[in-house]
C-alpha atoms as a PDB file:
ATOM      1  CA  MET A   1      68.650 -31.800  10.150  1.00  0.00           C
ATOM      2  CA  TRP A   2      67.592 -34.028   7.220  1.00  0.00           C
ATOM      3  CA  TYR A   3      67.046 -37.003   9.442  1.00  0.00           C
ATOM      4  CA  SER A   4      64.623 -34.851  11.503  1.00  0.00           C
ATOM      5  CA  ILE A   5      62.742 -33.765   8.379  1.00  0.00           C
ATOM      6  CA  ILE A   6      62.499 -37.344   7.097  1.00  0.00           C
ATOM      7  CA  PHE A   7      61.280 -38.719  10.413  1.00  0.00           C
ATOM      8  CA  LEU A   8      58.928 -35.888  10.863  1.00  0.00           C
ATOM      9  CA  ILE A   9      57.313 -36.784   7.430  1.00  0.00           C
ATOM     10  CA  VAL A  10      57.267 -40.450   8.321  1.00  0.00           C
ATOM     11  CA  GLY A  11      55.556 -39.519  11.549  1.00  0.00           C
ATOM     12  CA  PHE A  12      52.880 -37.553   9.741  1.00  0.00           C
ATOM     13  CA  VAL A  13      52.331 -40.443   7.220  1.00  0.00           C
ATOM     14  CA  VAL A  14      51.905 -42.918  10.073  1.00  0.00           C
ATOM     15  CA  LEU A  15      49.576 -40.471  11.879  1.00  0.00           C
ATOM     16  CA  VAL A  16      47.366 -40.104   8.792  1.00  0.00           C
ATOM     17  CA  LYS A  17      47.206 -43.865   8.095  1.00  0.00           C
ATOM     18  CA  GLY A  18      46.331 -44.482  11.773  1.00  0.00           C
ATOM     19  CA  ALA A  19      43.591 -41.870  11.659  1.00  0.00           C
ATOM     20  CA  ASP A  20      42.245 -43.351   8.316  1.00  0.00           C
ATOM     21  CA  TRP A  21      41.892 -46.824   9.848  1.00  0.00           C
ATOM     22  CA  LEU A  22      40.389 -45.393  13.078  1.00  0.00           C
ATOM     23  CA  VAL A  23      37.861 -43.388  11.070  1.00  0.00           C
ATOM     24  CA  GLU A  24      36.980 -46.347   8.782  1.00  0.00           C
ATOM     25  CA  GLY A  25      36.468 -48.713  11.742  1.00  0.00           C
ATOM     26  CA  GLY A  26      34.629 -46.181  13.771  1.00  0.00           C
ATOM     27  CA  SER A  27      32.371 -45.132  10.922  1.00  0.00           C
ATOM     28  CA  ALA A  28      31.423 -48.713  10.134  1.00  0.00           C
ATOM     29  CA  LEU A  29      30.690 -49.349  13.813  1.00  0.00           C
ATOM     30  CA  ALA A  30      28.505 -46.179  14.005  1.00  0.00           C
ATOM     31  CA  ARG A  31      26.568 -47.136  10.906  1.00  0.00           C
ATOM     32  CA  LYS A  32      25.810 -50.545  12.421  1.00  0.00           C
ATOM     33  CA  HIS A  33      24.063 -48.616  15.212  1.00  0.00           C
ATOM     34  CA  HIS A  34      22.059 -46.385  12.707  1.00  0.00           C
ATOM     35  CA  VAL A  35      23.825 -43.059  13.497  1.00  0.00           C
ATOM     36  CA  SER A  36      23.222 -40.215  11.105  1.00  0.00           C
ATOM     37  CA  ASP A  37      25.873 -38.700   8.839  1.00  0.00           C
ATOM     38  CA  LEU A  38      25.980 -35.446  10.624  1.00  0.00           C
ATOM     39  CA  ALA A  39      26.340 -37.208  14.081  1.00  0.00           C
ATOM     40  CA  ILE A  40      29.096 -39.345  12.557  1.00  0.00           C
ATOM     41  CA  GLY A  41      30.842 -36.267  11.195  1.00  0.00           C
ATOM     42  CA  LEU A  42      30.576 -34.337  14.487  1.00  0.00           C
ATOM     43  CA  THR A  43      31.620 -37.280  16.640  1.00  0.00           C
ATOM     44  CA  VAL A  44      33.323 -40.458  15.151  1.00  0.00           C
ATOM     45  CA  VAL A  45      34.994 -38.882  12.144  1.00  0.00           C
ATOM     46  CA  ALA A  46      35.861 -35.596  14.114  1.00  0.00           C
ATOM     47  CA  PHE A  47      37.309 -37.629  16.866  1.00  0.00           C
ATOM     48  CA  GLY A  48      39.207 -39.931  14.610  1.00  0.00           C
ATOM     49  CA  THR A  49      40.714 -37.095  12.584  1.00  0.00           C
ATOM     50  CA  SER A  50      41.548 -35.272  15.833  1.00  0.00           C
ATOM     51  CA  MET A  51      43.538 -38.259  17.117  1.00  0.00           C
ATOM     52  CA  PRO A  52      46.814 -36.966  15.693  1.00  0.00           C
ATOM     53  CA  GLU A  53      46.410 -33.694  17.737  1.00  0.00           C
ATOM     54  CA  LEU A  54      45.499 -35.733  20.746  1.00  0.00           C
ATOM     55  CA  VAL A  55      48.491 -38.051  20.508  1.00  0.00           C
ATOM     56  CA  VAL A  56      50.990 -35.244  19.769  1.00  0.00           C
ATOM     57  CA  ASN A  57      49.610 -33.166  22.652  1.00  0.00           C
ATOM     58  CA  THR A  58      49.823 -36.058  25.110  1.00  0.00           C
ATOM     59  CA  PHE A  59      53.512 -36.513  24.367  1.00  0.00           C
ATOM     60  CA  ALA A  60      54.159 -32.715  24.283  1.00  0.00           C
ATOM     61  CA  ALA A  61      52.263 -32.227  27.701  1.00  0.00           C
ATOM     62  CA  PHE A  62      54.296 -34.992  29.351  1.00  0.00           C
ATOM     63  CA  GLN A  63      57.571 -33.440  28.102  1.00  0.00           C
ATOM     64  CA  GLY A  64      56.487 -29.899  29.077  1.00  0.00           C
ATOM     65  CA  HIS A  65      56.538 -28.489  25.564  1.00  0.00           C
ATOM     66  CA  SER A  66      53.760 -25.929  26.030  1.00  0.00           C
ATOM     67  CA  GLY A  67      54.431 -24.118  22.872  1.00  0.00           C
ATOM     68  CA  ILE A  68      53.622 -27.274  20.851  1.00  0.00           C
ATOM     69  CA  VAL A  69      50.649 -28.088  23.089  1.00  0.00           C
ATOM     70  CA  PHE A  70      48.887 -24.701  22.418  1.00  0.00           C
ATOM     71  CA  GLY A  71      50.423 -24.133  18.935  1.00  0.00           C
ATOM     72  CA  ASN A  72      49.297 -27.546  17.717  1.00  0.00           C
ATOM     73  CA  ILE A  73      45.588 -27.009  18.770  1.00  0.00           C
ATOM     74  CA  ILE A  74      45.239 -23.328  18.017  1.00  0.00           C
ATOM     75  CA  GLY A  75      47.153 -23.765  14.730  1.00  0.00           C
ATOM     76  CA  SER A  76      45.143 -26.879  13.726  1.00  0.00           C
ATOM     77  CA  ASN A  77      41.877 -25.141  14.329  1.00  0.00           C
ATOM     78  CA  ILE A  78      43.024 -22.052  12.249  1.00  0.00           C
ATOM     79  CA  PHE A  79      44.154 -24.472   9.530  1.00  0.00           C
ATOM     80  CA  ASN A  80      40.751 -26.295   9.674  1.00  0.00           C
ATOM     81  CA  ILE A  81      38.722 -23.025   9.299  1.00  0.00           C
ATOM     82  CA  PHE A  82      40.848 -21.213   6.715  1.00  0.00           C
ATOM     83  CA  VAL A  83      42.556 -23.880   4.662  1.00  0.00           C
ATOM     84  CA  ILE A  84      40.378 -26.972   4.837  1.00  0.00           C
ATOM     85  CA  LEU A  85      37.035 -25.278   4.551  1.00  0.00           C
ATOM     86  CA  GLY A  86      38.622 -22.876   2.016  1.00  0.00           C
ATOM     87  CA  LEU A  87      39.826 -25.641  -0.143  1.00  0.00           C
ATOM     88  CA  THR A  88      36.615 -27.871   0.166  1.00  0.00           C
ATOM     89  CA  GLY A  89      34.521 -24.634  -0.481  1.00  0.00           C
ATOM     90  CA  LEU A  90      36.547 -24.187  -3.739  1.00  0.00           C
ATOM     91  CA  ILE A  91      35.840 -27.742  -4.819  1.00  0.00           C
ATOM     92  CA  THR A  92      32.086 -27.230  -4.287  1.00  0.00           C
ATOM     93  CA  PRO A  93      30.004 -24.639  -2.487  1.00  0.00           C
ATOM     94  CA  LEU A  94      29.248 -26.085   0.863  1.00  0.00           C
ATOM     95  CA  VAL A  95      25.525 -26.069   1.889  1.00  0.00           C
ATOM     96  CA  VAL A  96      25.310 -26.138   5.648  1.00  0.00           C
ATOM     97  CA  GLN A  97      22.429 -27.592   7.790  1.00  0.00           C
ATOM     98  CA  SER A  98      20.383 -25.314  10.020  1.00  0.00           C
ATOM     99  CA  SER A  99      21.577 -27.086  13.136  1.00  0.00           C
ATOM    100  CA  SER A 100      25.200 -26.359  12.121  1.00  0.00           C
ATOM    101  CA  VAL A 101      24.413 -22.660  11.513  1.00  0.00           C
ATOM    102  CA  TRP A 102      22.590 -21.982  14.730  1.00  0.00           C
ATOM    103  CA  ARG A 103      24.177 -24.571  17.043  1.00  0.00           C
ATOM    104  CA  GLU A 104      27.505 -26.095  16.154  1.00  0.00           C
ATOM    105  CA  ILE A 105      29.248 -23.018  14.596  1.00  0.00           C
ATOM    106  CA  PRO A 106      28.270 -20.836  17.647  1.00  0.00           C
ATOM    107  CA  LEU A 107      29.323 -23.621  19.975  1.00  0.00           C
ATOM    108  CA  SER A 108      32.699 -23.731  18.372  1.00  0.00           C
ATOM    109  CA  PHE A 109      32.904 -19.927  18.890  1.00  0.00           C
ATOM    110  CA  LEU A 110      31.995 -20.490  22.561  1.00  0.00           C
ATOM    111  CA  ALA A 111      34.778 -22.935  22.930  1.00  0.00           C
ATOM    112  CA  ILE A 112      37.297 -20.277  21.716  1.00  0.00           C
ATOM    113  CA  VAL A 113      35.771 -17.741  24.218  1.00  0.00           C
ATOM    114  CA  ILE A 114      36.130 -20.217  27.070  1.00  0.00           C
ATOM    115  CA  LEU A 115      39.690 -21.034  26.117  1.00  0.00           C
ATOM    116  CA  PHE A 116      40.535 -17.376  26.118  1.00  0.00           C
ATOM    117  CA  VAL A 117      39.005 -16.872  29.481  1.00  0.00           C
ATOM    118  CA  LEU A 118      40.675 -19.837  31.151  1.00  0.00           C
ATOM    119  CA  THR A 119      44.163 -19.006  29.780  1.00  0.00           C
ATOM    120  CA  ASN A 120      44.247 -15.353  30.582  1.00  0.00           C
ATOM    121  CA  GLU A 121      43.985 -15.317  34.381  1.00  0.00           C
ATOM    122  CA  LEU A 122      40.195 -14.780  34.267  1.00  0.00           C
ATOM    123  CA  VAL A 123      39.114 -18.037  36.035  1.00  0.00           C
ATOM    124  CA  PHE A 124      40.676 -20.140  38.791  1.00  0.00           C
ATOM    125  CA  SER A 125      44.240 -18.959  38.056  1.00  0.00           C
ATOM    126  CA  GLU A 126      46.685 -16.369  39.237  1.00  0.00           C
ATOM    127  CA  THR A 127      49.021 -16.928  36.356  1.00  0.00           C
ATOM    128  CA  ASN A 128      48.818 -17.583  32.614  1.00  0.00           C
ATOM    129  CA  VAL A 129      48.330 -21.332  32.860  1.00  0.00           C
ATOM    130  CA  LEU A 130      45.780 -23.931  31.854  1.00  0.00           C
ATOM    131  CA  SER A 131      45.485 -25.757  35.235  1.00  0.00           C
ATOM    132  CA  ARG A 132      43.986 -29.218  35.996  1.00  0.00           C
ATOM    133  CA  VAL A 133      40.871 -27.483  37.261  1.00  0.00           C
ATOM    134  CA  ASP A 134      40.648 -25.752  33.797  1.00  0.00           C
ATOM    135  CA  GLY A 135      41.170 -29.107  32.249  1.00  0.00           C
ATOM    136  CA  LEU A 136      38.209 -30.590  34.162  1.00  0.00           C
ATOM    137  CA  LEU A 137      36.102 -27.590  33.034  1.00  0.00           C
ATOM    138  CA  LEU A 138      36.936 -28.253  29.468  1.00  0.00           C
ATOM    139  CA  LEU A 139      36.192 -31.876  29.711  1.00  0.00           C
ATOM    140  CA  GLY A 140      32.900 -31.074  31.370  1.00  0.00           C
ATOM    141  CA  ALA A 141      31.993 -28.907  28.370  1.00  0.00           C
ATOM    142  CA  PHE A 142      33.008 -31.680  26.062  1.00  0.00           C
ATOM    143  CA  GLY A 143      30.658 -34.085  27.834  1.00  0.00           C
ATOM    144  CA  GLY A 144      27.930 -31.536  27.335  1.00  0.00           C
ATOM    145  CA  PHE A 145      28.738 -31.351  23.603  1.00  0.00           C
ATOM    146  CA  LEU A 146      28.520 -35.209  23.350  1.00  0.00           C
ATOM    147  CA  TYR A 147      25.271 -35.167  25.235  1.00  0.00           C
ATOM    148  CA  TYR A 148      23.781 -32.622  22.756  1.00  0.00           C
ATOM    149  CA  VAL A 149      25.024 -34.472  19.688  1.00  0.00           C
ATOM    150  CA  PHE A 150      23.622 -37.807  20.625  1.00  0.00           C
ATOM    151  CA  ASN A 151      20.262 -36.495  21.896  1.00  0.00           C
ATOM    152  CA  GLN A 152      19.716 -33.960  19.016  1.00  0.00           C
ATOM    153  CA  LEU A 153      21.329 -35.569  15.945  1.00  0.00           C
ATOM    154  CA  SER A 154      21.785 -39.278  16.279  1.00  0.00           C
ATOM    155  CA  HIS A 155      18.122 -40.138  15.244  1.00  0.00           C
ATOM    156  CA  ASP A 156      17.629 -37.432  12.634  1.00  0.00           C
ATOM    157  CA  GLU A 157      15.879 -39.494   9.894  1.00  0.00           C
ATOM    158  CA  SER A 158      15.912 -36.542   7.434  1.00  0.00           C
ATOM    159  CA  ILE A 159      19.567 -37.311   6.778  1.00  0.00           C
ATOM    160  CA  GLN A 160      20.213 -39.819   4.051  1.00  0.00           C
ATOM    161  CA  PRO A 161      22.837 -42.489   5.012  1.00  0.00           C
ATOM    162  CA  MET A 162      26.301 -42.336   3.431  1.00  0.00           C
ATOM    163  CA  ALA A 163      28.164 -45.113   1.837  1.00  0.00           C
ATOM    164  CA  ILE A 164      30.312 -46.797   4.400  1.00  0.00           C
ATOM    165  CA  LYS A 165      32.234 -49.960   3.826  1.00  0.00           C
ATOM    166  CA  GLU A 166      30.555 -52.884   5.446  1.00  0.00           C
ATOM    167  CA  LEU A 167      32.988 -54.517   7.815  1.00  0.00           C
ATOM    168  CA  SER A 168      32.761 -57.527  10.054  1.00  0.00           C
ATOM    169  CA  THR A 169      32.878 -56.898  13.839  1.00  0.00           C
ATOM    170  CA  LEU A 170      36.370 -58.489  13.973  1.00  0.00           C
ATOM    171  CA  ARG A 171      37.712 -56.314  11.243  1.00  0.00           C
ATOM    172  CA  ILE A 172      36.215 -53.200  12.741  1.00  0.00           C
ATOM    173  CA  TRP A 173      38.159 -53.822  16.045  1.00  0.00           C
ATOM    174  CA  ILE A 174      41.369 -54.678  14.112  1.00  0.00           C
ATOM    175  CA  TYR A 175      41.139 -51.298  12.252  1.00  0.00           C
ATOM    176  CA  LEU A 176      40.426 -49.495  15.594  1.00  0.00           C
ATOM    177  CA  PHE A 177      43.317 -50.959  17.512  1.00  0.00           C
ATOM    178  CA  ALA A 178      45.857 -50.892  14.675  1.00  0.00           C
ATOM    179  CA  GLY A 179      44.836 -47.208  13.953  1.00  0.00           C
ATOM    180  CA  LEU A 180      45.438 -46.350  17.535  1.00  0.00           C
ATOM    181  CA  GLY A 181      48.862 -48.064  17.512  1.00  0.00           C
ATOM    182  CA  LEU A 182      49.944 -46.204  14.470  1.00  0.00           C
ATOM    183  CA  LEU A 183      48.712 -42.899  15.989  1.00  0.00           C
ATOM    184  CA  VAL A 184      50.833 -43.424  19.029  1.00  0.00           C
ATOM    185  CA  LEU A 185      54.023 -44.272  16.933  1.00  0.00           C
ATOM    186  CA  GLY A 186      53.405 -41.311  14.597  1.00  0.00           C
ATOM    187  CA  GLY A 187      52.678 -38.855  17.341  1.00  0.00           C
ATOM    188  CA  ARG A 188      55.986 -39.798  19.168  1.00  0.00           C
ATOM    189  CA  LEU A 189      57.947 -39.274  15.911  1.00  0.00           C
ATOM    190  CA  VAL A 190      56.328 -35.903  15.214  1.00  0.00           C
ATOM    191  CA  VAL A 191      56.983 -34.392  18.669  1.00  0.00           C
ATOM    192  CA  ILE A 192      60.559 -35.567  18.920  1.00  0.00           C
ATOM    193  CA  ASN A 193      61.482 -34.418  15.417  1.00  0.00           C
ATOM    194  CA  ALA A 194      59.471 -31.093  15.543  1.00  0.00           C
ATOM    195  CA  VAL A 195      61.318 -30.102  18.793  1.00  0.00           C
ATOM    196  CA  GLU A 196      64.646 -31.029  17.166  1.00  0.00           C
ATOM    197  CA  MET A 197      63.830 -29.072  14.072  1.00  0.00           C
ATOM    198  CA  ALA A 198      62.922 -26.010  16.074  1.00  0.00           C
ATOM    199  CA  THR A 199      66.184 -26.208  17.999  1.00  0.00           C
ATOM    200  CA  LEU A 200      68.211 -26.594  14.815  1.00  0.00           C
ATOM    201  CA  LEU A 201      66.517 -23.797  12.932  1.00  0.00           C
ATOM    202  CA  GLY A 202      66.529 -21.484  15.828  1.00  0.00           C
ATOM    203  CA  MET A 203      62.776 -21.058  15.744  1.00  0.00           C
ATOM    204  CA  SER A 204      60.401 -21.219  18.687  1.00  0.00           C
ATOM    205  CA  GLN A 205      58.332 -24.223  19.450  1.00  0.00           C
ATOM    206  CA  THR A 206      55.318 -21.937  19.270  1.00  0.00           C
ATOM    207  CA  VAL A 207      55.913 -21.089  15.597  1.00  0.00           C
ATOM    208  CA  ILE A 208      56.678 -24.785  14.785  1.00  0.00           C
ATOM    209  CA  GLY A 209      53.556 -25.810  16.494  1.00  0.00           C
ATOM    210  CA  LEU A 210      51.329 -23.226  14.872  1.00  0.00           C
ATOM    211  CA  THR A 211      52.637 -24.084  11.333  1.00  0.00           C
ATOM    212  CA  ILE A 212      54.392 -27.411  10.559  1.00  0.00           C
ATOM    213  CA  VAL A 213      52.921 -29.496  13.451  1.00  0.00           C
ATOM    214  CA  ALA A 214      49.428 -27.848  13.151  1.00  0.00           C
ATOM    215  CA  ALA A 215      49.336 -28.464   9.393  1.00  0.00           C
ATOM    216  CA  GLY A 216      50.671 -32.009   9.658  1.00  0.00           C
ATOM    217  CA  THR A 217      48.187 -33.171  12.289  1.00  0.00           C
ATOM    218  CA  SER A 218      45.350 -31.567  10.341  1.00  0.00           C
ATOM    219  CA  LEU A 219      46.015 -33.719   7.264  1.00  0.00           C
ATOM    220  CA  PRO A 220      43.281 -36.262   8.207  1.00  0.00           C
ATOM    221  CA  GLU A 221      40.717 -33.512   8.364  1.00  0.00           C
ATOM    222  CA  LEU A 222      41.920 -32.144   4.995  1.00  0.00           C
ATOM    223  CA  ALA A 223      41.756 -35.611   3.325  1.00  0.00           C
ATOM    224  CA  THR A 224      38.276 -36.407   4.917  1.00  0.00           C
ATOM    225  CA  SER A 225      36.608 -33.039   4.095  1.00  0.00           C
ATOM    226  CA  ALA A 226      38.118 -32.945   0.582  1.00  0.00           C
ATOM    227  CA  VAL A 227      36.759 -36.445  -0.246  1.00  0.00           C
ATOM    228  CA  ALA A 228      33.436 -35.665   1.323  1.00  0.00           C
ATOM    229  CA  ALA A 229      33.129 -32.422  -0.767  1.00  0.00           C
ATOM    230  CA  VAL A 230      33.869 -34.276  -4.013  1.00  0.00           C
ATOM    231  CA  LYS A 231      31.239 -36.738  -3.069  1.00  0.00           C
ATOM    232  CA  LYS A 232      28.809 -34.044  -2.212  1.00  0.00           C
ATOM    233  CA  LYS A 233      28.671 -35.030   1.446  1.00  0.00           C
ATOM    234  CA  ASN A 234      28.546 -31.572   2.748  1.00  0.00           C
ATOM    235  CA  ASP A 235      27.366 -32.755   6.246  1.00  0.00           C
ATOM    236  CA  ILE A 236      30.540 -34.699   6.596  1.00  0.00           C
ATOM    237  CA  ALA A 237      32.831 -32.051   5.099  1.00  0.00           C
ATOM    238  CA  VAL A 238      31.469 -29.291   7.493  1.00  0.00           C
ATOM    239  CA  GLY A 239      30.642 -31.431  10.551  1.00  0.00           C
ATOM    240  CA  ASN A 240      34.115 -32.842  10.527  1.00  0.00           C
ATOM    241  CA  ILE A 241      35.790 -29.437  10.752  1.00  0.00           C
ATOM    242  CA  ILE A 242      33.378 -27.905  13.263  1.00  0.00           C
ATOM    243  CA  GLY A 243      33.392 -31.161  15.339  1.00  0.00           C
ATOM    244  CA  SER A 244      37.172 -31.353  15.250  1.00  0.00           C
ATOM    245  CA  ASN A 245      37.574 -27.741  16.412  1.00  0.00           C
ATOM    246  CA  ILE A 246      35.317 -28.352  19.344  1.00  0.00           C
ATOM    247  CA  PHE A 247      37.074 -31.678  20.115  1.00  0.00           C
ATOM    248  CA  ASN A 248      40.480 -29.982  19.916  1.00  0.00           C
ATOM    249  CA  ILE A 249      39.624 -27.347  22.555  1.00  0.00           C
ATOM    250  CA  PHE A 250      37.285 -29.156  24.950  1.00  0.00           C
ATOM    251  CA  PHE A 251      38.678 -32.562  24.891  1.00  0.00           C
ATOM    252  CA  ILE A 252      42.377 -32.530  23.715  1.00  0.00           C
ATOM    253  CA  LEU A 253      43.313 -29.383  25.692  1.00  0.00           C
ATOM    254  CA  GLY A 254      41.348 -30.735  28.670  1.00  0.00           C
ATOM    255  CA  VAL A 255      43.240 -33.999  28.568  1.00  0.00           C
ATOM    256  CA  SER A 256      46.533 -32.105  28.104  1.00  0.00           C
ATOM    257  CA  ALA A 257      45.893 -30.015  31.175  1.00  0.00           C
ATOM    258  CA  LEU A 258      45.050 -32.980  33.286  1.00  0.00           C
ATOM    259  CA  ILE A 259      48.363 -34.627  32.347  1.00  0.00           C
ATOM    260  CA  LYS A 260      50.301 -31.533  33.447  1.00  0.00           C
ATOM    261  CA  PRO A 261      49.392 -27.842  33.954  1.00  0.00           C
ATOM    262  CA  ILE A 262      50.408 -25.978  30.775  1.00  0.00           C
ATOM    263  CA  ASP A 263      52.059 -22.555  30.842  1.00  0.00           C
ATOM    264  CA  TYR A 264      50.290 -20.220  28.447  1.00  0.00           C
ATOM    265  CA  ASN A 265      52.143 -17.600  26.432  1.00  0.00           C
ATOM    266  CA  PRO A 266      49.861 -14.461  25.908  1.00  0.00           C
ATOM    267  CA  ALA A 267      51.449 -14.079  22.518  1.00  0.00           C
ATOM    268  CA  PHE A 268      48.819 -16.818  21.482  1.00  0.00           C
ATOM    269  CA  ASN A 269      46.043 -14.407  22.042  1.00  0.00           C
ATOM    270  CA  GLN A 270      46.413 -12.934  18.571  1.00  0.00           C
ATOM    271  CA  ASP A 271      46.132 -16.454  17.151  1.00  0.00           C
ATOM    272  CA  ILE A 272      43.053 -17.068  19.191  1.00  0.00           C
ATOM    273  CA  PHE A 273      41.582 -13.681  17.835  1.00  0.00           C
ATOM    274  CA  LEU A 274      42.183 -14.899  14.365  1.00  0.00           C
ATOM    275  CA  LEU A 275      40.508 -18.198  15.072  1.00  0.00           C
ATOM    276  CA  GLY A 276      37.555 -16.441  16.470  1.00  0.00           C
ATOM    277  CA  LEU A 277      37.431 -14.141  13.465  1.00  0.00           C
ATOM    278  CA  GLY A 278      37.514 -17.133  11.116  1.00  0.00           C
ATOM    279  CA  THR A 279      34.627 -18.775  12.929  1.00  0.00           C
ATOM    280  CA  LEU A 280      32.600 -15.413  12.824  1.00  0.00           C
ATOM    281  CA  LEU A 281      33.318 -15.125   9.118  1.00  0.00           C
ATOM    282  CA  LEU A 282      32.022 -18.680   8.585  1.00  0.00           C
ATOM    283  CA  PHE A 283      28.842 -17.783  10.560  1.00  0.00           C
ATOM    284  CA  ILE A 284      28.418 -14.576   8.579  1.00  0.00           C
ATOM    285  CA  ALA A 285      28.940 -16.360   5.270  1.00  0.00           C
ATOM    286  CA  MET A 286      25.778 -18.398   6.048  1.00  0.00           C
ATOM    287  CA  PHE A 287      23.692 -15.221   5.500  1.00  0.00           C
ATOM    288  CA  SER A 288      25.497 -13.560   2.525  1.00  0.00           C
ATOM    289  CA  GLY A 289      24.632 -14.679  -1.003  1.00  0.00           C
ATOM    290  CA  LYS A 290      22.702 -17.887  -0.914  1.00  0.00           C
ATOM    291  CA  ARG A 291      21.748 -18.673   2.713  1.00  0.00           C
ATOM    292  CA  LYS A 292      23.418 -21.502   4.585  1.00  0.00           C
ATOM    293  CA  LYS A 293      26.067 -21.869   1.976  1.00  0.00           C
ATOM    294  CA  LEU A 294      29.844 -21.252   1.816  1.00  0.00           C
ATOM    295  CA  ASP A 295      30.326 -19.906  -1.732  1.00  0.00           C
ATOM    296  CA  ARG A 296      33.578 -20.266  -3.650  1.00  0.00           C
ATOM    297  CA  TRP A 297      34.428 -16.656  -3.341  1.00  0.00           C
ATOM    298  CA  GLU A 298      34.028 -16.793   0.368  1.00  0.00           C
ATOM    299  CA  ALA A 299      36.264 -19.980   0.501  1.00  0.00           C
ATOM    300  CA  ALA A 300      38.826 -18.065  -1.537  1.00  0.00           C
ATOM    301  CA  ILE A 301      38.925 -15.201   1.122  1.00  0.00           C
ATOM    302  CA  LEU A 302      39.488 -17.763   3.891  1.00  0.00           C
ATOM    303  CA  LEU A 303      42.517 -19.120   1.965  1.00  0.00           C
ATOM    304  CA  ILE A 304      43.918 -15.629   1.239  1.00  0.00           C
ATOM    305  CA  LEU A 305      43.624 -14.659   4.964  1.00  0.00           C
ATOM    306  CA  TYR A 306      45.603 -17.899   5.883  1.00  0.00           C
ATOM    307  CA  VAL A 307      48.332 -17.169   3.474  1.00  0.00           C
ATOM    308  CA  ALA A 308      48.637 -13.627   4.955  1.00  0.00           C
ATOM    309  CA  TYR A 309      48.747 -15.061   8.486  1.00  0.00           C
ATOM    310  CA  THR A 310      51.343 -17.550   7.696  1.00  0.00           C
ATOM    311  CA  VAL A 311      53.667 -15.029   6.008  1.00  0.00           C
ATOM    312  CA  ASN A 312      53.297 -12.816   8.980  1.00  0.00           C
ATOM    313  CA  LEU A 313      54.333 -15.618  11.250  1.00  0.00           C
ATOM    314  CA  ILE A 314      57.396 -16.362   9.266  1.00  0.00           C
ATOM    315  CA  LEU A 315      58.362 -12.770   8.972  1.00  0.00           C
ATOM    316  CA  LYS A 316      58.131 -12.343  12.737  1.00  0.00           C
ATOM    317  CA  ALA A 317      60.065 -15.420  13.411  1.00  0.00           C
ATOM    318  CA  SER A 318      62.881 -14.518  11.055  1.00  0.00           C
END
């Protein structure tokens, strides 16, 4: 048991370091091509900080651990909205750009609706399964999201450039490849030991995926958004979370379904509803108090809701 816990922690540490190098290299590369902060937050940083989820899901999909596949993504998105935005909002009230309020946040909600439809026998399926056709639809939606970002945001001159370490081209690619290597190693360690812990504790893979694995793979998002909030880089703090949630559903679940069709447990529906509620609360918060801002009291509500959710999960599993 202790070996599983130790190796699980080591796996998370390796994942976080790999994501850190990937983000640093990717951000430097994007800045060389004059990409705006918000575009970097919604794409390069969001993709880099979502790499732990991608790697974990790739291994889990190959091995048929559907509880971890869905639990990791849905749980990570819940953690992103309620915990990470909650904590960063407590650090400093988050001012959100108009494009995020009217486009990216609604798009992240649309992604949740699409996931619900595809997994609940409503499109191209006779059973509760995310099929390869569903995966292709998700990847198509992801392509549309990238098209939108690069066409609408990449050349927004109103956004001031952020401070990104200047790296040589060689060092950028070293960071990128080394980061990917660490992500693969860390992802392998996390999946193997998470499954073993679930077995030893008598808990379902679903609960492990929604809690321990989801929180662990969300550490890069937490670190990135917290640092961005301290540095008053709200575009990165918010864009990272919204972008990561869209990436997780459209891209990571799309790739997971292409690897192998994934059986869906309808018990996840209540978690999807909570995720949808959190996204709606974020949208509503943009119009309460000071417009286009997540105030500290609203951030505190998000954190309280997550604590209640986690306690309920543990009580149901015991």
